[in-house]
Amino acid sequence: MPADKTITQPEIVIFDVDGVLVDVRGSFHTTVLETVRFFTKKRVTRAELHRWKNKSGFNDDWKLSTVWVQSLGGKFEYDEVKRKFVELYWGKNGKGNVAREKWLLPRTSLRRLASRSELALFTGRVRAEADYTLDRCRVREFFRHIVTVEDVQRPKPDPEGLLKILNGRDPAKALYLGDNVDDALASRAAQIPFLGILPRNSEARRARSALLTKHGARAILDDVKELEAWLRRS
């Protein structure tokens, strides 16, 4: 079908960062749990975290942490929760939970993909978080456009960041890879084909696979490293 061809030979491949290009279970996910535990003194679990992430509007971990704390009776406001989150995430001299992040797509794969398509990032991270990881992992050179939450007026699930990257180009010739509901909703609103990335047998896959498919994912891959093979198979 012609529609499939536009997906298999994308001119632009746009990646979300967290959960797609970077394993953030030890960084952002752990920091959410530690933040909520700090303010509530209650035991919270990763299964509960993924239930929050199943809901639209919680792509921002600072907001998610604040609402979660308040839902458990904590009388703390966004700025205070955010401050503690940032402290736990960065630690001293970058030795906090951020140091536990793992880059998932080898430079060799990035180089091959970049030789065939323009690569871009649309992330819910702030610029400092995105810059730290791109520079530490030495992958900035592969991405022509980098749009963070600070570069848009309306964050995901609004498609503003995706439309900014397209800059008037045909959305059918692009592909967006993400791991949560707001990624899928933004992609659908921008009319860009969407591919879900959820690790096999993970809590994230159990929690969100059906949701991403419901919101238009063309396929759910176990790992971003499967992208090249999926494009060839398709």
Protein backbone atom coordinates (compact mmCIF):
# COMPACT_ATOMS: atom_id res chain seq x y z
CA MET A 1 0.00 0.00 0.00
CA PRO A 2 1.31 3.50 -0.77
CA ALA A 3 0.77 4.61 2.83
CA ASP A 4 3.23 1.94 4.01
CA LYS A 5 5.90 3.16 1.61
CA THR A 6 5.88 6.61 3.18
CA ILE A 7 6.57 4.99 6.56
CA THR A 8 9.31 2.63 5.40
CA GLN A 9 11.32 5.31 3.62
CA PRO A 10 10.91 8.31 5.93
CA GLU A 11 12.67 11.51 5.00
CA ILE A 12 12.65 12.57 8.66
CA VAL A 13 12.96 10.27 11.68
CA ILE A 14 12.07 12.03 14.94
CA PHE A 15 12.90 10.44 18.29
CA ASP A 16 11.58 11.01 21.76
CA VAL A 17 14.50 10.68 24.19
CA ASP A 18 13.45 9.11 27.49
CA GLY A 19 12.53 5.46 27.18
CA VAL A 20 13.44 5.45 23.49
CA LEU A 21 17.06 6.55 23.05
CA VAL A 22 17.90 6.57 26.75
CA ASP A 23 17.08 4.02 29.45
CA VAL A 24 15.82 6.27 32.25
CA ARG A 25 14.61 3.61 34.69
CA GLY A 26 17.56 4.34 36.96
CA SER A 27 17.44 8.11 36.50
CA PHE A 28 14.09 9.82 35.94
CA HIS A 29 11.91 6.90 37.09
CA THR A 30 13.95 6.35 40.24
CA THR A 31 13.94 10.08 40.94
CA VAL A 32 10.14 10.25 40.71
CA LEU A 33 9.84 7.42 43.24
CA GLU A 34 12.44 8.91 45.59
CA THR A 35 10.79 12.33 45.38
CA VAL A 36 7.33 11.00 46.20
CA ARG A 37 8.73 8.88 49.05
CA PHE A 38 10.62 11.90 50.44
CA PHE A 39 7.51 14.07 50.69
CA THR A 40 4.94 11.42 51.68
CA LYS A 41 7.02 8.88 53.63
CA LYS A 42 4.96 6.24 51.83
CA ARG A 43 6.06 3.25 49.80
CA VAL A 44 5.32 3.78 46.11
CA THR A 45 6.10 1.36 43.30
CA ARG A 46 7.12 1.32 39.66
CA ALA A 47 3.77 -0.28 38.78
CA GLU A 48 2.04 2.79 40.26
CA LEU A 49 4.43 5.06 38.37
CA HIS A 50 3.41 3.46 35.08
CA ARG A 51 -0.25 3.88 35.91
CA TRP A 52 0.39 7.61 36.17
CA LYS A 53 2.33 7.56 32.92
CA ASN A 54 -0.61 5.89 31.18
CA LYS A 55 -2.49 9.16 31.59
CA SER A 56 -2.16 12.05 29.18
CA GLY A 57 -0.57 15.18 30.62
CA PHE A 58 2.09 13.47 32.72
CA ASN A 59 5.02 13.57 30.31
CA ASP A 60 6.52 16.14 32.73
CA ASP A 61 8.02 14.21 35.67
CA TRP A 62 8.02 17.35 37.85
CA LYS A 63 4.28 17.70 37.36
CA LEU A 64 3.71 13.96 37.80
CA SER A 65 5.67 13.94 41.07
CA THR A 66 3.75 16.95 42.40
CA VAL A 67 0.31 15.57 41.60
CA TRP A 68 1.26 12.15 42.97
CA VAL A 69 2.51 13.69 46.23
CA GLN A 70 -0.69 15.74 46.55
CA SER A 71 -2.87 12.70 45.79
CA LEU A 72 -1.29 10.99 48.82
CA GLY A 73 -2.10 13.92 51.08
CA GLY A 74 1.14 15.86 50.77
CA LYS A 75 0.64 19.62 51.16
CA PHE A 76 3.51 20.62 48.88
CA GLU A 77 3.49 22.83 45.82
CA TYR A 78 5.08 22.32 42.40
CA ASP A 79 8.15 24.50 43.00
CA GLU A 80 9.11 22.70 46.20
CA VAL A 81 8.64 19.25 44.68
CA LYS A 82 10.54 20.26 41.55
CA ARG A 83 13.45 21.58 43.64
CA LYS A 84 13.83 18.23 45.45
CA PHE A 85 13.48 16.30 42.19
CA VAL A 86 16.25 18.33 40.54
CA GLU A 87 18.49 17.85 43.58
CA LEU A 88 18.05 14.06 43.47
CA TYR A 89 18.39 13.85 39.69
CA TRP A 90 21.60 15.87 39.33
CA GLY A 91 23.20 15.21 42.72
CA LYS A 92 26.56 16.85 43.34
CA ASN A 93 28.73 17.36 40.25
CA GLY A 94 26.40 15.23 38.11
CA LYS A 95 26.76 12.24 40.44
CA GLY A 96 23.05 11.88 41.15
CA ASN A 97 20.61 9.58 39.42
CA VAL A 98 21.48 11.17 36.08
CA ALA A 99 24.72 9.16 36.13
CA ARG A 100 22.67 5.95 35.83
CA GLU A 101 21.28 6.77 32.39
CA LYS A 102 22.17 4.46 29.50
CA TRP A 103 22.23 5.42 25.81
CA LEU A 104 20.48 2.70 23.79
CA LEU A 105 21.16 3.25 20.07
CA PRO A 106 24.76 2.59 18.93
CA ARG A 107 26.59 5.31 17.01
CA THR A 108 26.99 2.92 14.06
CA SER A 109 23.20 2.60 13.77
CA LEU A 110 22.76 6.34 14.14
CA ARG A 111 25.28 6.94 11.39
CA ARG A 112 23.48 4.56 9.01
CA LEU A 113 20.09 6.07 9.80
CA ALA A 114 21.43 9.60 9.37
CA SER A 115 22.81 8.67 5.94
CA ARG A 116 19.28 7.81 4.76
CA SER A 117 17.05 10.22 6.69
CA GLU A 118 17.22 13.49 8.54
CA LEU A 119 17.25 12.75 12.29
CA ALA A 120 15.64 14.96 14.92
CA LEU A 121 14.66 14.96 18.60
CA PHE A 122 11.42 16.11 20.20
CA THR A 123 11.69 15.63 23.95
CA GLY A 124 9.92 16.64 27.13
CA ARG A 125 13.31 17.30 28.69
CA VAL A 126 14.55 20.80 29.41
CA ARG A 127 17.57 21.92 27.39
CA ALA A 128 20.15 21.33 30.16
CA GLU A 129 19.05 17.70 30.56
CA ALA A 130 19.09 17.08 26.81
CA ASP A 131 22.48 18.75 26.35
CA TYR A 132 24.07 16.77 29.19
CA THR A 133 23.09 13.41 27.69
CA LEU A 134 23.84 14.27 24.06
CA ASP A 135 27.30 15.56 24.94
CA ARG A 136 28.16 12.79 27.42
CA CYS A 137 27.16 10.13 24.87
CA ARG A 138 28.78 12.00 21.94
CA VAL A 139 25.73 11.78 19.65
CA ARG A 140 24.73 15.41 19.09
CA GLU A 141 26.22 15.44 15.58
CA PHE A 142 23.57 13.04 14.27
CA PHE A 143 20.53 15.22 15.01
CA ARG A 144 19.73 18.10 12.71
CA HIS A 145 16.93 19.49 14.90
CA ILE A 146 16.57 19.28 18.69
CA VAL A 147 13.32 20.56 20.18
CA THR A 148 12.97 20.50 23.98
CA VAL A 149 10.03 21.45 26.18
CA GLU A 150 11.60 24.90 26.55
CA ASP A 151 11.41 25.46 22.78
CA VAL A 152 7.61 25.23 22.61
CA GLN A 153 4.74 27.14 24.14
CA ARG A 154 2.55 24.04 24.33
CA PRO A 155 4.22 20.77 25.43
CA LYS A 156 3.11 17.26 24.49
CA PRO A 157 0.49 16.05 23.77
CA ASP A 158 0.31 19.22 21.67
CA PRO A 159 2.05 18.64 18.30
CA GLU A 160 3.79 22.05 18.28
CA GLY A 161 7.29 20.55 18.60
CA LEU A 162 6.73 18.03 15.80
CA LEU A 163 5.28 20.70 13.51
CA LYS A 164 8.28 22.90 14.28
CA ILE A 165 10.60 20.14 13.08
CA LEU A 166 8.51 19.48 9.96
CA ASN A 167 8.52 23.19 9.09
CA GLY A 168 5.80 22.74 6.48
CA ARG A 169 7.03 19.42 5.09
CA ASP A 170 4.74 16.47 4.41
CA PRO A 171 4.05 14.68 7.75
CA ALA A 172 3.47 11.41 5.89
CA LYS A 173 7.18 11.40 5.02
CA ALA A 174 8.20 11.52 8.67
CA LEU A 175 8.23 8.95 11.49
CA TYR A 176 8.06 9.62 15.23
CA LEU A 177 9.27 7.12 17.83
CA GLY A 178 7.97 7.40 21.38
CA ASP A 179 7.08 5.39 24.47
CA ASN A 180 4.08 7.05 26.06
CA VAL A 181 0.55 8.21 25.42
CA ASP A 182 1.43 11.88 24.92
CA ASP A 183 3.98 10.93 22.25
CA ALA A 184 1.30 8.99 20.38
CA LEU A 185 -1.27 11.77 20.74
CA ALA A 186 1.17 14.44 19.54
CA SER A 187 2.14 12.29 16.58
CA ARG A 188 -1.48 11.68 15.62
CA ALA A 189 -2.31 15.39 15.91
CA ALA A 190 0.63 16.20 13.62
CA GLN A 191 -0.47 13.39 11.24
CA ILE A 192 2.96 11.76 11.51
CA PRO A 193 3.17 7.93 11.53
CA PHE A 194 4.04 6.72 15.03
CA LEU A 195 6.14 3.80 16.25
CA GLY A 196 6.05 2.70 19.90
CA ILE A 197 9.16 1.57 21.78
CA LEU A 198 8.47 -0.56 24.87
CA PRO A 199 10.95 -3.15 26.23
CA ARG A 200 9.73 -6.75 26.11
CA ASN A 201 8.40 -8.07 29.44
CA SER A 202 8.71 -4.60 31.02
CA GLU A 203 6.18 -2.86 33.25
CA ALA A 204 6.00 -0.13 30.61
CA ARG A 205 5.01 -2.62 27.90
CA ARG A 206 2.38 -4.28 30.07
CA ALA A 207 0.99 -0.89 30.99
CA ARG A 208 1.04 0.92 27.65
CA SER A 209 1.28 -1.39 24.64
CA ALA A 210 -2.48 -1.55 24.06
CA LEU A 211 -2.83 2.19 24.69
CA LEU A 212 -0.19 3.14 22.13
CA THR A 213 -1.78 0.82 19.58
CA LYS A 214 -5.19 2.35 20.32
CA HIS A 215 -3.75 5.81 19.67
CA GLY A 216 -2.32 4.86 16.29
CA ALA A 217 1.06 3.15 16.73
CA ARG A 218 1.93 1.27 13.52
CA ALA A 219 3.96 -1.22 15.56
CA ILE A 220 5.47 -1.69 19.02
CA LEU A 221 9.18 -2.52 19.01
CA ASP A 222 11.04 -4.04 21.95
CA ASP A 223 14.07 -1.84 21.44
CA VAL A 224 15.06 1.18 19.35
CA LYS A 225 17.88 -0.96 17.91
CA GLU A 226 15.15 -2.85 16.00
CA LEU A 227 14.23 0.23 13.95
CA GLU A 228 16.54 -0.51 11.01
CA ALA A 229 15.32 -4.09 10.72
CA TRP A 230 11.68 -2.95 10.98
CA LEU A 231 12.18 -0.46 8.17
CA ARG A 232 13.75 -3.15 5.97
CA ARG A 233 11.00 -5.70 6.75
CA SER A 234 8.23 -3.26 6.08
